[in-house]
């Protein structure tokens, strides 16, 4: 039986439709029995639909600079164990 953790590891590919048919059937079976994962999939699908319908807007320069600085700092840190 598939666990919720295993399902969530496949979520992106599931939503993108990039799974082998057998794996998709297994995930669909899990969704039919797990209301928590069903809510996650439903909410994620709705969120993606909203964002796809939005017009892209540039980040303000100050926010862009802060984001790049934070990413640079994160990339130079050693991996967590």
PDB file of N, CA and C in Angstrom:
ATOM      1  N   UNK A   1       0.843  -1.182   0.000  1.00  0.00           N
ATOM      2  CA  UNK A   1       0.000   0.000   0.000  1.00  0.00           C
ATOM      3  C   UNK A   1       0.889   1.247   0.000  1.00  0.00           C
ATOM      4  N   UNK A   2       0.491   2.229  -0.767  1.00  0.00           N
ATOM      5  CA  UNK A   2       1.215   3.478  -0.926  1.00  0.00           C
ATOM      6  C   UNK A   2       1.009   4.377   0.294  1.00  0.00           C
ATOM      7  N   UNK A   3       2.072   4.991   0.780  1.00  0.00           N
ATOM      8  CA  UNK A   3       1.943   5.925   1.902  1.00  0.00           C
ATOM      9  C   UNK A   3       1.731   7.339   1.365  1.00  0.00           C
ATOM     10  N   UNK A   4       1.285   8.224   2.241  1.00  0.00           N
ATOM     11  CA  UNK A   4       1.105   9.629   1.860  1.00  0.00           C
ATOM     12  C   UNK A   4       2.444  10.246   1.460  1.00  0.00           C
ATOM     13  N   UNK A   5       3.500   9.906   2.167  1.00  0.00           N
ATOM     14  CA  UNK A   5       4.820  10.438   1.841  1.00  0.00           C
ATOM     15  C   UNK A   5       5.226  10.016   0.433  1.00  0.00           C
ATOM     16  N   UNK A   6       5.009   8.763   0.100  1.00  0.00           N
ATOM     17  CA  UNK A   6       5.341   8.274  -1.238  1.00  0.00           C
ATOM     18  C   UNK A   6       4.494   8.997  -2.292  1.00  0.00           C
ATOM     19  N   UNK A   7       3.220   9.201  -1.969  1.00  0.00           N
ATOM     20  CA  UNK A   7       2.356   9.915  -2.908  1.00  0.00           C
ATOM     21  C   UNK A   7       2.884  11.323  -3.151  1.00  0.00           C
ATOM     22  N   UNK A   8       3.224  12.028  -2.080  1.00  0.00           N
ATOM     23  CA  UNK A   8       3.684  13.406  -2.210  1.00  0.00           C
ATOM     24  C   UNK A   8       5.002  13.506  -2.968  1.00  0.00           C
ATOM     25  N   UNK A   9       5.828  12.479  -2.887  1.00  0.00           N
ATOM     26  CA  UNK A   9       7.077  12.461  -3.651  1.00  0.00           C
ATOM     27  C   UNK A   9       6.801  12.416  -5.159  1.00  0.00           C
ATOM     28  N   UNK A  10       5.661  11.901  -5.544  1.00  0.00           N
ATOM     29  CA  UNK A  10       5.283  11.779  -6.959  1.00  0.00           C
ATOM     30  C   UNK A  10       4.324  12.886  -7.406  1.00  0.00           C
ATOM     31  N   UNK A  11       3.976  13.791  -6.515  1.00  0.00           N
ATOM     32  CA  UNK A  11       2.923  14.772  -6.790  1.00  0.00           C
ATOM     33  C   UNK A  11       3.182  15.603  -8.033  1.00  0.00           C
ATOM     34  N   UNK A  12       4.377  16.150  -8.194  1.00  0.00           N
ATOM     35  CA  UNK A  12       4.664  17.005  -9.350  1.00  0.00           C
ATOM     36  C   UNK A  12       4.473  16.233 -10.655  1.00  0.00           C
ATOM     37  N   UNK A  13       5.017  15.030 -10.720  1.00  0.00           N
ATOM     38  CA  UNK A  13       4.867  14.221 -11.936  1.00  0.00           C
ATOM     39  C   UNK A  13       3.411  13.813 -12.141  1.00  0.00           C
ATOM     40  N   UNK A  14       2.699  13.562 -11.055  1.00  0.00           N
ATOM     41  CA  UNK A  14       1.281  13.212 -11.139  1.00  0.00           C
ATOM     42  C   UNK A  14       0.502  14.370 -11.763  1.00  0.00           C
ATOM     43  N   UNK A  15       0.739  15.571 -11.265  1.00  0.00           N
ATOM     44  CA  UNK A  15       0.019  16.735 -11.779  1.00  0.00           C
ATOM     45  C   UNK A  15       0.423  17.064 -13.211  1.00  0.00           C
ATOM     46  N   UNK A  16       1.676  16.793 -13.559  1.00  0.00           N
ATOM     47  CA  UNK A  16       2.153  17.057 -14.920  1.00  0.00           C
ATOM     48  C   UNK A  16       1.757  15.957 -15.900  1.00  0.00           C
ATOM     49  N   UNK A  17       1.229  14.844 -15.387  1.00  0.00           N
ATOM     50  CA  UNK A  17       0.851  13.725 -16.247  1.00  0.00           C
ATOM     51  C   UNK A  17       2.053  12.995 -16.818  1.00  0.00           C
ATOM     52  N   UNK A  18       3.132  12.979 -16.070  1.00  0.00           N
ATOM     53  CA  UNK A  18       4.378  12.376 -16.547  1.00  0.00           C
ATOM     54  C   UNK A  18       4.709  11.077 -15.819  1.00  0.00           C
ATOM     55  N   UNK A  19       3.717  10.238 -15.637  1.00  0.00           N
ATOM     56  CA  UNK A  19       3.920   8.969 -14.938  1.00  0.00           C
ATOM     57  C   UNK A  19       3.529   7.806 -15.833  1.00  0.00           C
ATOM     58  N   UNK A  20       4.157   6.687 -15.587  1.00  0.00           N
ATOM     59  CA  UNK A  20       3.734   5.458 -16.256  1.00  0.00           C
ATOM     60  C   UNK A  20       2.306   5.150 -15.815  1.00  0.00           C
ATOM     61  N   UNK A  21       1.550   4.521 -16.685  1.00  0.00           N
ATOM     62  CA  UNK A  21       0.129   4.245 -16.404  1.00  0.00           C
ATOM     63  C   UNK A  21      -0.053   3.454 -15.111  1.00  0.00           C
ATOM     64  N   UNK A  22       0.813   2.487 -14.865  1.00  0.00           N
ATOM     65  CA  UNK A  22       0.710   1.668 -13.652  1.00  0.00           C
ATOM     66  C   UNK A  22       0.893   2.516 -12.390  1.00  0.00           C
ATOM     67  N   UNK A  23       1.862   3.412 -12.420  1.00  0.00           N
ATOM     68  CA  UNK A  23       2.115   4.286 -11.268  1.00  0.00           C
ATOM     69  C   UNK A  23       0.935   5.230 -11.076  1.00  0.00           C
ATOM     70  N   UNK A  24       0.400   5.779 -12.171  1.00  0.00           N
ATOM     71  CA  UNK A  24      -0.745   6.684 -12.081  1.00  0.00           C
ATOM     72  C   UNK A  24      -1.940   5.966 -11.454  1.00  0.00           C
ATOM     73  N   UNK A  25      -2.184   4.731 -11.863  1.00  0.00           N
ATOM     74  CA  UNK A  25      -3.303   3.963 -11.292  1.00  0.00           C
ATOM     75  C   UNK A  25      -3.114   3.769  -9.791  1.00  0.00           C
ATOM     76  N   UNK A  26      -1.880   3.489  -9.380  1.00  0.00           N
ATOM     77  CA  UNK A  26      -1.591   3.297  -7.955  1.00  0.00           C
ATOM     78  C   UNK A  26      -1.853   4.592  -7.182  1.00  0.00           C
ATOM     79  N   UNK A  27      -1.418   5.714  -7.756  1.00  0.00           N
ATOM     80  CA  UNK A  27      -1.648   7.005  -7.101  1.00  0.00           C
ATOM     81  C   UNK A  27      -3.129   7.355  -7.076  1.00  0.00           C
ATOM     82  N   UNK A  28      -3.845   7.076  -8.164  1.00  0.00           N
ATOM     83  CA  UNK A  28      -5.293   7.313  -8.194  1.00  0.00           C
ATOM     84  C   UNK A  28      -5.990   6.485  -7.124  1.00  0.00           C
ATOM     85  N   UNK A  29      -5.533   5.247  -6.929  1.00  0.00           N
ATOM     86  CA  UNK A  29      -6.103   4.395  -5.883  1.00  0.00           C
ATOM     87  C   UNK A  29      -5.879   4.987  -4.505  1.00  0.00           C
ATOM     88  N   UNK A  30      -4.693   5.526  -4.284  1.00  0.00           N
ATOM     89  CA  UNK A  30      -4.404   6.159  -2.999  1.00  0.00           C
ATOM     90  C   UNK A  30      -5.322   7.361  -2.794  1.00  0.00           C
ATOM     91  N   UNK A  31      -5.476   8.177  -3.835  1.00  0.00           N
ATOM     92  CA  UNK A  31      -6.345   9.356  -3.730  1.00  0.00           C
ATOM     93  C   UNK A  31      -7.784   8.979  -3.410  1.00  0.00           C
ATOM     94  N   UNK A  32      -8.238   7.870  -3.962  1.00  0.00           N
ATOM     95  CA  UNK A  32      -9.612   7.432  -3.723  1.00  0.00           C
ATOM     96  C   UNK A  32      -9.836   7.042  -2.266  1.00  0.00           C
ATOM     97  N   UNK A  33      -8.761   6.685  -1.571  1.00  0.00           N
ATOM     98  CA  UNK A  33      -8.879   6.234  -0.188  1.00  0.00           C
ATOM     99  C   UNK A  33      -8.361   7.236   0.838  1.00  0.00           C
ATOM    100  N   UNK A  34      -7.655   8.282   0.393  1.00  0.00           N
ATOM    101  CA  UNK A  34      -7.012   9.204   1.337  1.00  0.00           C
ATOM    102  C   UNK A  34      -7.535  10.623   1.144  1.00  0.00           C
ATOM    103  N   UNK A  35      -8.433  11.056   2.014  1.00  0.00           N
ATOM    104  CA  UNK A  35      -8.985  12.402   1.860  1.00  0.00           C
ATOM    105  C   UNK A  35      -7.935  13.509   2.036  1.00  0.00           C
ATOM    106  N   UNK A  36      -6.915  13.258   2.830  1.00  0.00           N
ATOM    107  CA  UNK A  36      -5.878  14.287   3.026  1.00  0.00           C
ATOM    108  C   UNK A  36      -5.103  14.537   1.737  1.00  0.00           C
ATOM    109  N   UNK A  37      -4.688  13.486   1.068  1.00  0.00           N
ATOM    110  CA  UNK A  37      -3.953  13.658  -0.186  1.00  0.00           C
ATOM    111  C   UNK A  37      -4.865  14.212  -1.275  1.00  0.00           C
ATOM    112  N   UNK A  38      -6.148  13.816  -1.263  1.00  0.00           N
ATOM    113  CA  UNK A  38      -7.089  14.350  -2.239  1.00  0.00           C
ATOM    114  C   UNK A  38      -7.196  15.864  -2.088  1.00  0.00           C
ATOM    115  N   UNK A  39      -7.264  16.359  -0.863  1.00  0.00           N
ATOM    116  CA  UNK A  39      -7.353  17.802  -0.627  1.00  0.00           C
ATOM    117  C   UNK A  39      -6.082  18.490  -1.128  1.00  0.00           C
ATOM    118  N   UNK A  40      -4.941  17.888  -0.894  1.00  0.00           N
ATOM    119  CA  UNK A  40      -3.676  18.478  -1.361  1.00  0.00           C
ATOM    120  C   UNK A  40      -3.676  18.578  -2.886  1.00  0.00           C
ATOM    121  N   UNK A  41      -4.068  17.518  -3.565  1.00  0.00           N
ATOM    122  CA  UNK A  41      -4.092  17.535  -5.028  1.00  0.00           C
ATOM    123  C   UNK A  41      -5.100  18.563  -5.529  1.00  0.00           C
ATOM    124  N   UNK A  42      -6.287  18.562  -4.966  1.00  0.00           N
ATOM    125  CA  UNK A  42      -7.322  19.496  -5.403  1.00  0.00           C
ATOM    126  C   UNK A  42      -6.885  20.944  -5.196  1.00  0.00           C
ATOM    127  N   UNK A  43      -6.337  21.245  -4.040  1.00  0.00           N
ATOM    128  CA  UNK A  43      -5.885  22.602  -3.732  1.00  0.00           C
ATOM    129  C   UNK A  43      -4.728  23.015  -4.640  1.00  0.00           C
ATOM    130  N   UNK A  44      -3.795  22.099  -4.870  1.00  0.00           N
ATOM    131  CA  UNK A  44      -2.652  22.403  -5.733  1.00  0.00           C
ATOM    132  C   UNK A  44      -3.113  22.658  -7.160  1.00  0.00           C
ATOM    133  N   UNK A  45      -4.038  21.842  -7.667  1.00  0.00           N
ATOM    134  CA  UNK A  45      -4.571  22.052  -9.018  1.00  0.00           C
ATOM    135  C   UNK A  45      -5.239  23.425  -9.134  1.00  0.00           C
ATOM    136  N   UNK A  46      -6.049  23.772  -8.151  1.00  0.00           N
ATOM    137  CA  UNK A  46      -6.734  25.061  -8.181  1.00  0.00           C
ATOM    138  C   UNK A  46      -5.746  26.223  -8.102  1.00  0.00           C
ATOM    139  N   UNK A  47      -4.722  26.070  -7.278  1.00  0.00           N
ATOM    140  CA  UNK A  47      -3.694  27.112  -7.155  1.00  0.00           C
ATOM    141  C   UNK A  47      -2.961  27.291  -8.480  1.00  0.00           C
ATOM    142  N   UNK A  48      -2.610  26.202  -9.137  1.00  0.00           N
ATOM    143  CA  UNK A  48      -1.929  26.284 -10.425  1.00  0.00           C
ATOM    144  C   UNK A  48      -2.804  26.954 -11.474  1.00  0.00           C
ATOM    145  N   UNK A  49      -4.103  26.662 -11.471  1.00  0.00           N
ATOM    146  CA  UNK A  49      -5.017  27.291 -12.420  1.00  0.00           C
ATOM    147  C   UNK A  49      -5.075  28.802 -12.205  1.00  0.00           C
ATOM    148  N   UNK A  50      -5.095  29.215 -10.950  1.00  0.00           N
ATOM    149  CA  UNK A  50      -5.134  30.649 -10.641  1.00  0.00           C
ATOM    150  C   UNK A  50      -3.867  31.327 -11.141  1.00  0.00           C
ATOM    151  N   UNK A  51      -2.715  30.739 -10.833  1.00  0.00           N
ATOM    152  CA  UNK A  51      -1.444  31.352 -11.230  1.00  0.00           C
ATOM    153  C   UNK A  51      -1.261  31.356 -12.743  1.00  0.00           C
ATOM    154  N   UNK A  52      -1.736  30.329 -13.423  1.00  0.00           N
ATOM    155  CA  UNK A  52      -1.610  30.290 -14.882  1.00  0.00           C
ATOM    156  C   UNK A  52      -2.437  31.385 -15.534  1.00  0.00           C
ATOM    157  N   UNK A  53      -3.503  31.804 -14.873  1.00  0.00           N
ATOM    158  CA  UNK A  53      -4.362  32.837 -15.422  1.00  0.00           C
ATOM    159  C   UNK A  53      -3.902  34.246 -15.102  1.00  0.00           C
ATOM    160  N   UNK A  54      -2.861  34.384 -14.322  1.00  0.00           N
ATOM    161  CA  UNK A  54      -2.388  35.712 -13.925  1.00  0.00           C
ATOM    162  C   UNK A  54      -1.328  36.226 -14.895  1.00  0.00           C
ATOM    163  N   UNK A  55      -1.288  37.527 -15.025  1.00  0.00           N
ATOM    164  CA  UNK A  55      -0.267  38.160 -15.844  1.00  0.00           C
ATOM    165  C   UNK A  55       1.022  38.268 -15.024  1.00  0.00           C
ATOM    166  N   UNK A  56       2.126  37.916 -15.655  1.00  0.00           N
ATOM    167  CA  UNK A  56       3.423  38.015 -14.977  1.00  0.00           C
ATOM    168  C   UNK A  56       3.779  39.486 -14.772  1.00  0.00           C
ATOM    169  N   UNK A  57       4.288  39.786 -13.607  1.00  0.00           N
ATOM    170  CA  UNK A  57       4.708  41.150 -13.293  1.00  0.00           C
ATOM    171  C   UNK A  57       6.123  41.104 -12.741  1.00  0.00           C
ATOM    172  N   UNK A  58       6.936  42.076 -13.111  1.00  0.00           N
ATOM    173  CA  UNK A  58       8.326  42.071 -12.621  1.00  0.00           C
ATOM    174  C   UNK A  58       8.381  42.374 -11.127  1.00  0.00           C
ATOM    175  N   UNK A  59       9.386  41.800 -10.478  1.00  0.00           N
ATOM    176  CA  UNK A  59       9.613  42.089  -9.062  1.00  0.00           C
ATOM    177  C   UNK A  59      10.173  43.498  -8.922  1.00  0.00           C
ATOM    178  N   UNK A  60       9.788  44.191  -7.872  1.00  0.00           N
ATOM    179  CA  UNK A  60      10.429  45.484  -7.607  1.00  0.00           C
ATOM    180  C   UNK A  60      11.933  45.260  -7.403  1.00  0.00           C
ATOM    181  N   UNK A  61      12.770  46.186  -7.848  1.00  0.00           N
ATOM    182  CA  UNK A  61      14.233  46.001  -7.766  1.00  0.00           C
ATOM    183  C   UNK A  61      14.736  45.667  -6.357  1.00  0.00           C
ATOM    184  N   UNK A  62      14.182  46.317  -5.336  1.00  0.00           N
ATOM    185  CA  UNK A  62      14.635  46.047  -3.966  1.00  0.00           C
ATOM    186  C   UNK A  62      14.325  44.607  -3.560  1.00  0.00           C
ATOM    187  N   UNK A  63      13.146  44.127  -3.893  1.00  0.00           N
ATOM    188  CA  UNK A  63      12.766  42.757  -3.566  1.00  0.00           C
ATOM    189  C   UNK A  63      13.627  41.761  -4.351  1.00  0.00           C
ATOM    190  N   UNK A  64      13.877  42.046  -5.612  1.00  0.00           N
ATOM    191  CA  UNK A  64      14.734  41.182  -6.433  1.00  0.00           C
ATOM    192  C   UNK A  64      16.128  41.073  -5.813  1.00  0.00           C
ATOM    193  N   UNK A  65      16.670  42.203  -5.391  1.00  0.00           N
ATOM    194  CA  UNK A  65      18.018  42.200  -4.783  1.00  0.00           C
ATOM    195  C   UNK A  65      18.034  41.383  -3.497  1.00  0.00           C
ATOM    196  N   UNK A  66      17.016  41.544  -2.655  1.00  0.00           N
ATOM    197  CA  UNK A  66      16.940  40.780  -1.398  1.00  0.00           C
ATOM    198  C   UNK A  66      16.810  39.285  -1.681  1.00  0.00           C
ATOM    199  N   UNK A  67      15.999  38.941  -2.664  1.00  0.00           N
ATOM    200  CA  UNK A  67      15.812  37.533  -3.014  1.00  0.00           C
ATOM    201  C   UNK A  67      17.118  36.922  -3.520  1.00  0.00           C
ATOM    202  N   UNK A  68      17.808  37.626  -4.387  1.00  0.00           N
ATOM    203  CA  UNK A  68      19.068  37.115  -4.925  1.00  0.00           C
ATOM    204  C   UNK A  68      20.116  36.959  -3.825  1.00  0.00           C
ATOM    205  N   UNK A  69      20.142  37.908  -2.902  1.00  0.00           N
ATOM    206  CA  UNK A  69      21.081  37.831  -1.778  1.00  0.00           C
ATOM    207  C   UNK A  69      20.778  36.611  -0.899  1.00  0.00           C
ATOM    208  N   UNK A  70      19.493  36.383  -0.624  1.00  0.00           N
ATOM    209  CA  UNK A  70      19.096  35.230   0.192  1.00  0.00           C
ATOM    210  C   UNK A  70      19.431  33.918  -0.512  1.00  0.00           C
ATOM    211  N   UNK A  71      19.192  33.857  -1.816  1.00  0.00           N
ATOM    212  CA  UNK A  71      19.522  32.645  -2.569  1.00  0.00           C
ATOM    213  C   UNK A  71      21.025  32.380  -2.586  1.00  0.00           C
ATOM    214  N   UNK A  72      21.792  33.445  -2.780  1.00  0.00           N
ATOM    215  CA  UNK A  72      23.253  33.309  -2.785  1.00  0.00           C
ATOM    216  C   UNK A  72      23.747  32.796  -1.434  1.00  0.00           C
ATOM    217  N   UNK A  73      23.191  33.344  -0.355  1.00  0.00           N
ATOM    218  CA  UNK A  73      23.576  32.917   0.993  1.00  0.00           C
ATOM    219  C   UNK A  73      23.223  31.446   1.196  1.00  0.00           C
ATOM    220  N   UNK A  74      22.046  31.048   0.737  1.00  0.00           N
ATOM    221  CA  UNK A  74      21.596  29.663   0.899  1.00  0.00           C
ATOM    222  C   UNK A  74      22.475  28.702   0.091  1.00  0.00           C
ATOM    223  N   UNK A  75      22.879  29.119  -1.091  1.00  0.00           N
ATOM    224  CA  UNK A  75      23.686  28.252  -1.955  1.00  0.00           C
ATOM    225  C   UNK A  75      25.097  28.057  -1.419  1.00  0.00           C
ATOM    226  N   UNK A  76      25.588  28.971  -0.614  1.00  0.00           N
ATOM    227  CA  UNK A  76      26.950  28.844  -0.090  1.00  0.00           C
ATOM    228  C   UNK A  76      26.996  28.133   1.252  1.00  0.00           C
ATOM    229  N   UNK A  77      25.837  27.859   1.836  1.00  0.00           N
ATOM    230  CA  UNK A  77      25.789  27.123   3.109  1.00  0.00           C
ATOM    231  C   UNK A  77      25.979  25.641   2.847  1.00  0.00           C
ATOM    232  N   UNK A  78      26.633  24.951   3.789  1.00  0.00           N
ATOM    233  CA  UNK A  78      26.750  23.504   3.623  1.00  0.00           C
ATOM    234  C   UNK A  78      25.365  22.854   3.757  1.00  0.00           C
ATOM    235  N   UNK A  79      25.147  21.717   3.108  1.00  0.00           N
ATOM    236  CA  UNK A  79      23.848  21.035   3.184  1.00  0.00           C
ATOM    237  C   UNK A  79      23.528  20.616   4.602  1.00  0.00           C
ATOM    238  N   UNK A  80      22.241  20.683   4.934  1.00  0.00           N
ATOM    239  CA  UNK A  80      21.786  20.223   6.265  1.00  0.00           C
ATOM    240  C   UNK A  80      21.834  18.712   6.319  1.00  0.00           C
ATOM    241  N   UNK A  81      22.092  18.204   7.497  1.00  0.00           N
ATOM    242  CA  UNK A  81      22.141  16.746   7.662  1.00  0.00           C
ATOM    243  C   UNK A  81      21.010  16.272   8.489  1.00  0.00           C
TER     244      UNK A  81
END
